N, C-alpha and C. Protein backbone atom coordinates (compact mmCIF):
# COMPACT_ATOMS: atom_id res chain seq x y z
N MET A 1 30.89 26.90 -2.85
CA MET A 1 30.18 27.06 -4.10
C MET A 1 29.66 25.72 -4.61
N LYS A 2 30.44 24.64 -4.47
CA LYS A 2 29.99 23.33 -4.91
C LYS A 2 28.73 22.90 -4.16
N ARG A 3 28.65 23.24 -2.90
CA ARG A 3 27.51 22.88 -2.08
C ARG A 3 26.24 23.56 -2.60
N VAL A 4 26.33 24.83 -2.96
CA VAL A 4 25.19 25.57 -3.47
C VAL A 4 24.74 24.99 -4.80
N VAL A 5 25.68 24.66 -5.68
CA VAL A 5 25.34 24.08 -6.98
C VAL A 5 24.63 22.74 -6.79
N ALA A 6 25.14 21.91 -5.89
CA ALA A 6 24.52 20.61 -5.64
C ALA A 6 23.10 20.78 -5.13
N LEU A 7 22.86 21.71 -4.23
CA LEU A 7 21.52 21.96 -3.73
C LEU A 7 20.61 22.46 -4.82
N LEU A 8 21.13 23.33 -5.68
CA LEU A 8 20.32 23.83 -6.79
C LEU A 8 19.97 22.71 -7.76
N LEU A 9 20.92 21.84 -8.05
CA LEU A 9 20.65 20.72 -8.95
C LEU A 9 19.63 19.78 -8.35
N PHE A 10 19.75 19.50 -7.05
CA PHE A 10 18.78 18.64 -6.39
C PHE A 10 17.40 19.27 -6.45
N GLY A 11 17.32 20.57 -6.19
CA GLY A 11 16.04 21.27 -6.22
C GLY A 11 15.42 21.24 -7.60
N VAL A 12 16.22 21.38 -8.64
CA VAL A 12 15.72 21.35 -10.01
C VAL A 12 15.27 19.94 -10.37
N SER A 13 16.04 18.91 -9.96
CA SER A 13 15.69 17.55 -10.34
C SER A 13 14.44 17.05 -9.65
N THR A 14 14.08 17.59 -8.50
CA THR A 14 12.89 17.14 -7.80
C THR A 14 11.71 18.07 -8.01
N PHE A 15 11.90 19.17 -8.70
CA PHE A 15 10.81 20.11 -8.94
C PHE A 15 9.69 19.41 -9.70
N GLY A 16 8.47 19.57 -9.24
CA GLY A 16 7.33 19.00 -9.91
C GLY A 16 6.97 17.60 -9.44
N LEU A 17 7.76 17.02 -8.55
CA LEU A 17 7.46 15.68 -8.06
C LEU A 17 6.72 15.69 -6.74
N ALA A 18 6.31 16.85 -6.27
CA ALA A 18 5.56 16.98 -5.02
C ALA A 18 6.27 16.29 -3.87
N PRO A 19 7.49 16.75 -3.48
CA PRO A 19 8.28 16.05 -2.49
C PRO A 19 7.62 15.94 -1.13
N HIS A 20 6.68 16.79 -0.79
CA HIS A 20 6.05 16.72 0.52
C HIS A 20 4.71 15.99 0.50
N SER A 21 4.22 15.62 -0.67
CA SER A 21 2.92 14.99 -0.75
C SER A 21 2.93 13.57 -0.19
N GLU A 22 4.12 12.95 -0.04
CA GLU A 22 4.18 11.61 0.50
C GLU A 22 3.54 11.54 1.89
N GLY A 23 3.61 12.63 2.64
CA GLY A 23 3.00 12.66 3.97
C GLY A 23 1.49 12.60 3.93
N LEU A 24 0.92 12.70 2.72
CA LEU A 24 -0.52 12.67 2.56
C LEU A 24 -1.04 11.29 2.18
N ILE A 25 -0.15 10.32 2.11
CA ILE A 25 -0.53 8.94 1.80
C ILE A 25 -0.80 8.23 3.12
N MET A 26 -1.91 7.51 3.16
CA MET A 26 -2.24 6.79 4.39
C MET A 26 -2.76 5.39 4.08
N ILE A 27 -2.56 4.49 5.05
CA ILE A 27 -3.16 3.17 4.98
C ILE A 27 -4.63 3.38 5.34
N ASN A 28 -5.50 3.17 4.38
CA ASN A 28 -6.91 3.51 4.53
C ASN A 28 -7.77 2.33 4.99
N GLU A 29 -7.43 1.12 4.50
CA GLU A 29 -8.26 -0.04 4.80
C GLU A 29 -7.42 -1.31 4.70
N ILE A 30 -7.73 -2.27 5.56
CA ILE A 30 -7.03 -3.56 5.57
C ILE A 30 -8.06 -4.68 5.69
N LEU A 31 -7.87 -5.72 4.89
CA LEU A 31 -8.68 -6.93 5.04
C LEU A 31 -7.71 -8.08 5.32
N ALA A 32 -7.66 -8.50 6.57
CA ALA A 32 -6.76 -9.58 6.98
C ALA A 32 -7.46 -10.93 6.92
N ASP A 33 -8.79 -10.94 7.06
CA ASP A 33 -9.55 -12.18 7.14
C ASP A 33 -10.76 -12.09 6.21
N PRO A 34 -10.58 -12.44 4.93
CA PRO A 34 -11.72 -12.38 4.01
C PRO A 34 -12.86 -13.28 4.47
N PRO A 35 -14.10 -12.79 4.38
CA PRO A 35 -15.25 -13.62 4.79
C PRO A 35 -15.37 -14.89 3.93
N SER A 36 -16.12 -15.83 4.41
CA SER A 36 -16.36 -17.07 3.67
C SER A 36 -17.22 -16.79 2.44
N GLY A 37 -17.13 -17.69 1.48
CA GLY A 37 -17.98 -17.61 0.29
C GLY A 37 -17.60 -16.47 -0.63
N ILE A 38 -18.50 -16.18 -1.55
CA ILE A 38 -18.25 -15.18 -2.57
C ILE A 38 -18.08 -13.78 -1.99
N LEU A 39 -18.64 -13.52 -0.81
CA LEU A 39 -18.45 -12.21 -0.17
C LEU A 39 -16.99 -11.94 0.15
N GLY A 40 -16.20 -12.99 0.28
CA GLY A 40 -14.79 -12.84 0.59
C GLY A 40 -13.89 -12.67 -0.63
N ASP A 41 -14.50 -12.64 -1.82
CA ASP A 41 -13.73 -12.48 -3.06
C ASP A 41 -13.43 -11.00 -3.28
N ALA A 42 -12.55 -10.46 -2.45
CA ALA A 42 -12.25 -9.03 -2.48
C ALA A 42 -11.58 -8.59 -3.78
N ASN A 43 -10.79 -9.46 -4.40
CA ASN A 43 -10.12 -9.09 -5.64
C ASN A 43 -10.98 -9.34 -6.88
N ARG A 44 -12.18 -9.84 -6.68
CA ARG A 44 -13.20 -10.04 -7.73
C ARG A 44 -12.73 -10.93 -8.88
N ASP A 45 -11.94 -11.95 -8.56
CA ASP A 45 -11.50 -12.86 -9.61
C ASP A 45 -12.38 -14.10 -9.70
N GLY A 46 -13.47 -14.13 -8.92
CA GLY A 46 -14.41 -15.25 -8.96
C GLY A 46 -14.08 -16.37 -8.00
N VAL A 47 -12.99 -16.23 -7.24
CA VAL A 47 -12.58 -17.27 -6.29
C VAL A 47 -12.27 -16.62 -4.95
N ARG A 48 -12.89 -17.12 -3.89
CA ARG A 48 -12.55 -16.64 -2.54
C ARG A 48 -11.33 -17.42 -2.07
N ASP A 49 -10.28 -16.71 -1.75
CA ASP A 49 -9.06 -17.34 -1.27
C ASP A 49 -8.58 -16.58 -0.03
N ALA A 50 -8.30 -17.30 1.04
CA ALA A 50 -7.92 -16.67 2.31
C ALA A 50 -6.68 -15.79 2.20
N PHE A 51 -5.79 -16.09 1.25
CA PHE A 51 -4.56 -15.32 1.11
C PHE A 51 -4.62 -14.31 -0.05
N ASP A 52 -5.12 -14.76 -1.20
CA ASP A 52 -5.19 -13.88 -2.37
C ASP A 52 -6.11 -12.68 -2.14
N ASP A 53 -7.17 -12.86 -1.36
CA ASP A 53 -8.15 -11.79 -1.17
C ASP A 53 -7.83 -10.86 -0.01
N GLU A 54 -6.75 -11.12 0.70
CA GLU A 54 -6.29 -10.13 1.68
C GLU A 54 -5.87 -8.88 0.92
N PHE A 55 -6.09 -7.72 1.52
CA PHE A 55 -5.64 -6.50 0.85
C PHE A 55 -5.31 -5.39 1.83
N VAL A 56 -4.52 -4.45 1.33
CA VAL A 56 -4.23 -3.19 2.02
C VAL A 56 -4.52 -2.10 1.00
N GLU A 57 -5.37 -1.15 1.38
CA GLU A 57 -5.71 -0.04 0.50
C GLU A 57 -5.05 1.24 0.99
N LEU A 58 -4.41 1.96 0.08
CA LEU A 58 -3.78 3.24 0.39
C LEU A 58 -4.62 4.35 -0.20
N PHE A 59 -4.59 5.52 0.44
CA PHE A 59 -5.32 6.69 -0.05
C PHE A 59 -4.39 7.89 -0.11
N ASN A 60 -4.51 8.66 -1.18
CA ASN A 60 -3.74 9.88 -1.35
C ASN A 60 -4.69 11.07 -1.17
N SER A 61 -4.58 11.77 -0.07
CA SER A 61 -5.43 12.93 0.18
C SER A 61 -4.80 14.22 -0.32
N GLY A 62 -3.66 14.09 -0.99
CA GLY A 62 -2.93 15.27 -1.45
C GLY A 62 -3.43 15.82 -2.78
N ALA A 63 -2.88 16.94 -3.13
CA ALA A 63 -3.25 17.65 -4.36
C ALA A 63 -2.45 17.18 -5.57
N ASP A 64 -1.49 16.27 -5.36
CA ASP A 64 -0.64 15.79 -6.45
C ASP A 64 -0.61 14.27 -6.44
N PRO A 65 -0.46 13.65 -7.62
CA PRO A 65 -0.25 12.20 -7.64
C PRO A 65 1.09 11.87 -6.98
N VAL A 66 1.19 10.67 -6.43
CA VAL A 66 2.42 10.27 -5.74
C VAL A 66 2.94 8.96 -6.34
N LEU A 67 4.18 8.98 -6.77
CA LEU A 67 4.86 7.80 -7.29
C LEU A 67 5.33 6.95 -6.11
N LEU A 68 4.99 5.66 -6.12
CA LEU A 68 5.32 4.76 -5.01
C LEU A 68 6.54 3.88 -5.31
N SER A 69 7.22 4.11 -6.39
CA SER A 69 8.34 3.30 -6.81
C SER A 69 9.35 3.09 -5.67
N GLY A 70 9.58 1.83 -5.33
CA GLY A 70 10.55 1.48 -4.29
C GLY A 70 10.03 1.57 -2.87
N TRP A 71 8.81 2.05 -2.68
CA TRP A 71 8.23 2.07 -1.33
C TRP A 71 8.02 0.62 -0.90
N THR A 72 7.90 0.40 0.41
CA THR A 72 7.66 -0.95 0.92
C THR A 72 6.47 -0.98 1.86
N LEU A 73 5.83 -2.13 1.88
CA LEU A 73 4.77 -2.40 2.85
C LEU A 73 5.24 -3.61 3.64
N SER A 74 5.26 -3.48 4.97
CA SER A 74 5.76 -4.54 5.84
C SER A 74 4.74 -4.81 6.93
N ASP A 75 4.87 -5.97 7.55
CA ASP A 75 4.14 -6.22 8.79
C ASP A 75 5.18 -6.36 9.89
N SER A 76 4.77 -6.86 11.05
CA SER A 76 5.71 -6.94 12.17
C SER A 76 6.81 -7.98 11.95
N LEU A 77 6.69 -8.82 10.91
CA LEU A 77 7.70 -9.84 10.66
C LEU A 77 8.66 -9.52 9.52
N SER A 78 8.12 -9.01 8.40
CA SER A 78 9.00 -8.80 7.25
C SER A 78 8.36 -7.88 6.20
N VAL A 79 9.15 -7.52 5.20
CA VAL A 79 8.64 -6.77 4.06
C VAL A 79 7.74 -7.70 3.27
N ARG A 80 6.53 -7.25 2.96
CA ARG A 80 5.57 -8.06 2.21
C ARG A 80 5.42 -7.60 0.77
N HIS A 81 5.87 -6.35 0.49
CA HIS A 81 5.75 -5.84 -0.87
C HIS A 81 6.71 -4.69 -1.11
N ILE A 82 7.31 -4.69 -2.30
CA ILE A 82 8.08 -3.55 -2.78
C ILE A 82 7.35 -3.04 -4.01
N PHE A 83 6.92 -1.79 -3.97
CA PHE A 83 6.13 -1.21 -5.05
C PHE A 83 6.96 -1.05 -6.32
N SER A 84 6.34 -1.34 -7.46
CA SER A 84 7.02 -1.27 -8.76
C SER A 84 7.23 0.18 -9.19
N GLU A 85 8.03 0.34 -10.23
CA GLU A 85 8.30 1.67 -10.77
C GLU A 85 7.05 2.35 -11.30
N ALA A 86 6.06 1.59 -11.72
CA ALA A 86 4.84 2.15 -12.30
C ALA A 86 3.77 2.47 -11.26
N SER A 87 3.99 2.12 -10.01
CA SER A 87 2.98 2.33 -8.96
C SER A 87 2.79 3.81 -8.68
N MET A 88 1.54 4.27 -8.82
CA MET A 88 1.24 5.67 -8.56
C MET A 88 -0.17 5.78 -7.99
N ILE A 89 -0.32 6.68 -7.04
CA ILE A 89 -1.66 6.97 -6.50
C ILE A 89 -2.06 8.34 -7.04
N PRO A 90 -3.19 8.40 -7.73
CA PRO A 90 -3.63 9.69 -8.26
C PRO A 90 -4.08 10.63 -7.14
N THR A 91 -4.21 11.88 -7.48
CA THR A 91 -4.73 12.89 -6.56
C THR A 91 -6.07 12.41 -6.00
N GLU A 92 -6.21 12.44 -4.68
CA GLU A 92 -7.42 12.00 -3.99
C GLU A 92 -7.89 10.64 -4.50
N GLY A 93 -6.92 9.75 -4.73
CA GLY A 93 -7.23 8.43 -5.26
C GLY A 93 -6.74 7.31 -4.37
N PHE A 94 -7.02 6.10 -4.81
CA PHE A 94 -6.74 4.90 -4.05
C PHE A 94 -5.77 3.98 -4.80
N PHE A 95 -5.10 3.12 -4.05
CA PHE A 95 -4.24 2.09 -4.59
C PHE A 95 -4.46 0.86 -3.72
N VAL A 96 -4.72 -0.30 -4.34
CA VAL A 96 -4.99 -1.51 -3.57
C VAL A 96 -3.88 -2.53 -3.81
N LEU A 97 -3.37 -3.07 -2.74
CA LEU A 97 -2.37 -4.12 -2.78
C LEU A 97 -3.04 -5.41 -2.34
N PHE A 98 -3.11 -6.40 -3.25
CA PHE A 98 -3.73 -7.69 -2.95
C PHE A 98 -2.66 -8.73 -2.67
N GLY A 99 -3.06 -9.76 -1.92
CA GLY A 99 -2.17 -10.87 -1.65
C GLY A 99 -1.86 -11.67 -2.90
N GLY A 100 -2.81 -11.77 -3.82
CA GLY A 100 -2.61 -12.55 -5.05
C GLY A 100 -3.87 -12.61 -5.87
N GLY A 101 -3.95 -13.63 -6.70
CA GLY A 101 -5.12 -13.81 -7.57
C GLY A 101 -5.01 -13.02 -8.86
N SER A 102 -6.17 -12.81 -9.48
CA SER A 102 -6.27 -12.06 -10.74
C SER A 102 -7.33 -10.98 -10.59
N PRO A 103 -7.00 -9.90 -9.88
CA PRO A 103 -7.99 -8.85 -9.62
C PRO A 103 -8.67 -8.35 -10.90
N THR A 104 -9.98 -8.15 -10.80
CA THR A 104 -10.80 -7.72 -11.92
C THR A 104 -11.56 -6.46 -11.53
N GLY A 105 -11.55 -5.47 -12.42
CA GLY A 105 -12.33 -4.25 -12.19
C GLY A 105 -11.59 -3.18 -11.41
N PHE A 106 -10.31 -3.35 -11.19
CA PHE A 106 -9.51 -2.36 -10.48
C PHE A 106 -8.55 -1.71 -11.47
N THR A 107 -8.36 -0.41 -11.32
CA THR A 107 -7.43 0.28 -12.21
C THR A 107 -6.10 0.58 -11.55
N ASN A 108 -6.05 0.58 -10.25
CA ASN A 108 -4.85 0.99 -9.54
C ASN A 108 -4.52 -0.03 -8.46
N PHE A 109 -3.80 -1.08 -8.84
CA PHE A 109 -3.52 -2.15 -7.89
C PHE A 109 -2.23 -2.86 -8.26
N GLU A 110 -1.73 -3.65 -7.31
CA GLU A 110 -0.63 -4.58 -7.55
C GLU A 110 -0.87 -5.81 -6.70
N LEU A 111 -0.17 -6.88 -7.06
CA LEU A 111 -0.14 -8.09 -6.24
C LEU A 111 1.12 -8.06 -5.42
N SER A 112 1.06 -8.62 -4.23
CA SER A 112 2.23 -8.64 -3.35
C SER A 112 3.44 -9.20 -4.07
N SER A 113 4.53 -8.46 -4.05
CA SER A 113 5.75 -8.89 -4.73
C SER A 113 6.40 -10.11 -4.07
N THR A 114 6.00 -10.42 -2.85
CA THR A 114 6.54 -11.60 -2.16
C THR A 114 5.64 -12.82 -2.32
N GLY A 115 4.51 -12.66 -2.99
CA GLY A 115 3.62 -13.78 -3.23
C GLY A 115 2.41 -13.83 -2.31
N LEU A 116 2.45 -13.15 -1.19
CA LEU A 116 1.28 -13.03 -0.32
C LEU A 116 1.52 -11.97 0.74
N LEU A 117 0.43 -11.46 1.29
CA LEU A 117 0.54 -10.44 2.34
C LEU A 117 0.70 -11.08 3.71
N SER A 118 0.04 -12.23 3.92
CA SER A 118 0.16 -12.96 5.18
C SER A 118 -0.17 -12.11 6.40
N LEU A 119 -1.30 -11.38 6.31
CA LEU A 119 -1.74 -10.55 7.43
C LEU A 119 -2.29 -11.44 8.54
N ASN A 120 -1.87 -11.21 9.74
CA ASN A 120 -2.25 -12.02 10.89
C ASN A 120 -3.68 -11.66 11.33
N ASN A 121 -4.57 -12.64 11.35
CA ASN A 121 -5.97 -12.38 11.73
C ASN A 121 -6.13 -11.98 13.18
N SER A 122 -5.23 -12.40 14.05
CA SER A 122 -5.37 -12.11 15.48
C SER A 122 -4.75 -10.78 15.89
N GLY A 123 -4.15 -10.09 14.92
CA GLY A 123 -3.55 -8.78 15.20
C GLY A 123 -2.20 -8.64 14.54
N ASP A 124 -1.90 -7.44 14.10
CA ASP A 124 -0.65 -7.20 13.39
C ASP A 124 -0.42 -5.69 13.32
N THR A 125 0.75 -5.32 12.89
CA THR A 125 1.06 -3.92 12.61
C THR A 125 1.57 -3.88 11.18
N VAL A 126 1.01 -2.95 10.38
CA VAL A 126 1.39 -2.79 8.98
C VAL A 126 2.09 -1.45 8.84
N TYR A 127 3.24 -1.47 8.18
CA TYR A 127 4.07 -0.27 8.02
C TYR A 127 4.19 0.07 6.54
N LEU A 128 4.09 1.34 6.22
CA LEU A 128 4.33 1.83 4.87
C LEU A 128 5.55 2.74 4.93
N HIS A 129 6.59 2.37 4.18
CA HIS A 129 7.84 3.15 4.16
C HIS A 129 8.10 3.71 2.76
N HIS A 130 8.58 4.94 2.74
CA HIS A 130 9.06 5.58 1.52
C HIS A 130 10.30 4.82 1.04
N ALA A 131 10.63 4.93 -0.23
CA ALA A 131 11.82 4.27 -0.78
C ALA A 131 13.09 4.66 -0.04
N ASP A 132 13.10 5.84 0.57
CA ASP A 132 14.26 6.31 1.34
C ASP A 132 14.26 5.78 2.76
N GLY A 133 13.29 4.94 3.12
CA GLY A 133 13.23 4.36 4.45
C GLY A 133 12.41 5.16 5.44
N ILE A 134 11.89 6.30 5.04
CA ILE A 134 11.10 7.13 5.95
C ILE A 134 9.73 6.48 6.17
N LEU A 135 9.33 6.38 7.43
CA LEU A 135 8.02 5.81 7.77
C LEU A 135 6.93 6.80 7.35
N ILE A 136 6.01 6.34 6.52
CA ILE A 136 4.92 7.18 6.03
C ILE A 136 3.66 6.98 6.87
N ASP A 137 3.31 5.71 7.17
CA ASP A 137 2.11 5.44 7.97
C ASP A 137 2.25 4.08 8.65
N VAL A 138 1.49 3.92 9.73
CA VAL A 138 1.43 2.67 10.49
C VAL A 138 -0.03 2.38 10.80
N PHE A 139 -0.42 1.12 10.70
CA PHE A 139 -1.78 0.70 11.02
C PHE A 139 -1.68 -0.53 11.90
N THR A 140 -2.14 -0.43 13.14
CA THR A 140 -2.10 -1.55 14.08
C THR A 140 -3.53 -1.99 14.37
N TYR A 141 -3.73 -3.30 14.36
CA TYR A 141 -5.05 -3.85 14.70
C TYR A 141 -4.87 -5.06 15.59
N GLY A 142 -5.93 -5.42 16.28
CA GLY A 142 -5.92 -6.54 17.20
C GLY A 142 -6.80 -7.67 16.69
N PRO A 143 -7.46 -8.39 17.59
CA PRO A 143 -8.26 -9.55 17.19
C PRO A 143 -9.45 -9.21 16.29
N GLU A 144 -9.80 -7.93 16.20
CA GLU A 144 -10.88 -7.54 15.28
C GLU A 144 -10.50 -7.84 13.82
N GLY A 145 -9.22 -8.04 13.56
CA GLY A 145 -8.77 -8.40 12.22
C GLY A 145 -9.25 -9.76 11.77
N GLY A 146 -9.68 -10.60 12.70
CA GLY A 146 -10.16 -11.94 12.38
C GLY A 146 -11.65 -12.08 12.37
N GLN A 147 -12.37 -10.99 12.14
CA GLN A 147 -13.84 -11.03 12.19
C GLN A 147 -14.50 -10.93 10.81
N ASP A 148 -13.78 -11.33 9.77
CA ASP A 148 -14.34 -11.39 8.41
C ASP A 148 -14.80 -10.06 7.84
N VAL A 149 -14.21 -8.96 8.31
CA VAL A 149 -14.55 -7.63 7.79
C VAL A 149 -13.28 -6.82 7.61
N SER A 150 -13.35 -5.83 6.72
CA SER A 150 -12.19 -4.97 6.55
C SER A 150 -12.16 -3.94 7.68
N LEU A 151 -10.97 -3.43 7.93
CA LEU A 151 -10.76 -2.45 9.00
C LEU A 151 -10.35 -1.13 8.35
N THR A 152 -10.95 -0.04 8.82
CA THR A 152 -10.61 1.28 8.28
C THR A 152 -10.13 2.19 9.38
């Protein structure tokens, strides 16, 4: 009987949070090597910076907004970001994670919690994990990451 009650309580506490929509979040775009000059100012803060203007964009193709609290973004070396409690991707919306700077004109973004993304221009693998450790998406790229363009 205790087992049934626990399952019912868990079901009630997660109702309305779209527990399966996390599978609809994907790494949509990566900029590992911002172009030279003002074209490389991806965060639109008026300064092109090789580290601050790196970004990873997430997309939610689901029918419900998804809370990213505690999720992590890592590369092949280490965790580069832990999403804040306020991080949310709206239905069919985007979320951009920048290496740093002062992004302007974005409504749904964060700066890397570790201070930079440090995406490898010659190739890397980027992992998105749920707060529970479940792998949500993986994006692997090679030397094309160093060609001054974003990858989708």
